[in-house]
Amino acid sequence: MSVRVSLVAAARNSSLLGERFEDDRPLDETGWHEVQFAAPTLLPLGAAELRYCSPTARSRATGQALGFAPMAQPALRDCDMGRWRGLTLADVTAREPAAVDAWLADPRSAPHGGETLLAFISRIGGWLDTRPACDGLIVAVAEPAVVRAALVYALRAPPSTYWNVDVRPLSTVTLTGLPRRWSLCLETGAR
């Protein structure tokens, strides 16, 4: 029996340029409006047999606003960014340009003192691989970075592919498969 996992990217809590590493701020006004606008399309996912979310405030709020009543999963937390936590990419680039270059170039690098990109992708993949087989759907609301990591893992893509995946707030992707054997499932809007 295969597993079907739909990942929903959490609504925004800042503008794209204002995004911070490991940002745990709640949804902003734009995020709340986006959830209300997207709700009619995403509400059917609330019928999932199992409903999870990242432990961040915006993931929990997105899941609650969609009526999912999700259970927070520590394994779905964002990448541990060490001393860069709470800073924007622009902040870190201004302070530590060589460290940012190393981090972007090498998935085994963690100049911030936190988790490497490779370890992050592996952690998210480990969560996917331990989902229980069920006849229905599993849904998880997570940070965009978590969705990106899940896609890289599921497709067995090189870790550097992570930087080429754009996950917009409230976008959804479905993965189907078995542990270590995942497929990307693209669906039409019609059901």
Foldseek 3Di string as FASTA:
>chain_A
DKAKEKEWEFFDQDPPQQDAAQDQDARDPVRLVVLVVCLVLCLVVLVFPAEAEAPGRRGCVSCVSSVNNHHHDPLQGGFWLAQRGPPGPVVCCVVPVPLVVCLLPDQCDRPNPTHGLVRNLVSLLVVVQPDDDDPGHYYYHGHQLSVLSPVCQQVVHPSSCSVVDDRHHGDMWMWMGHRSHIDTDDDDSPD
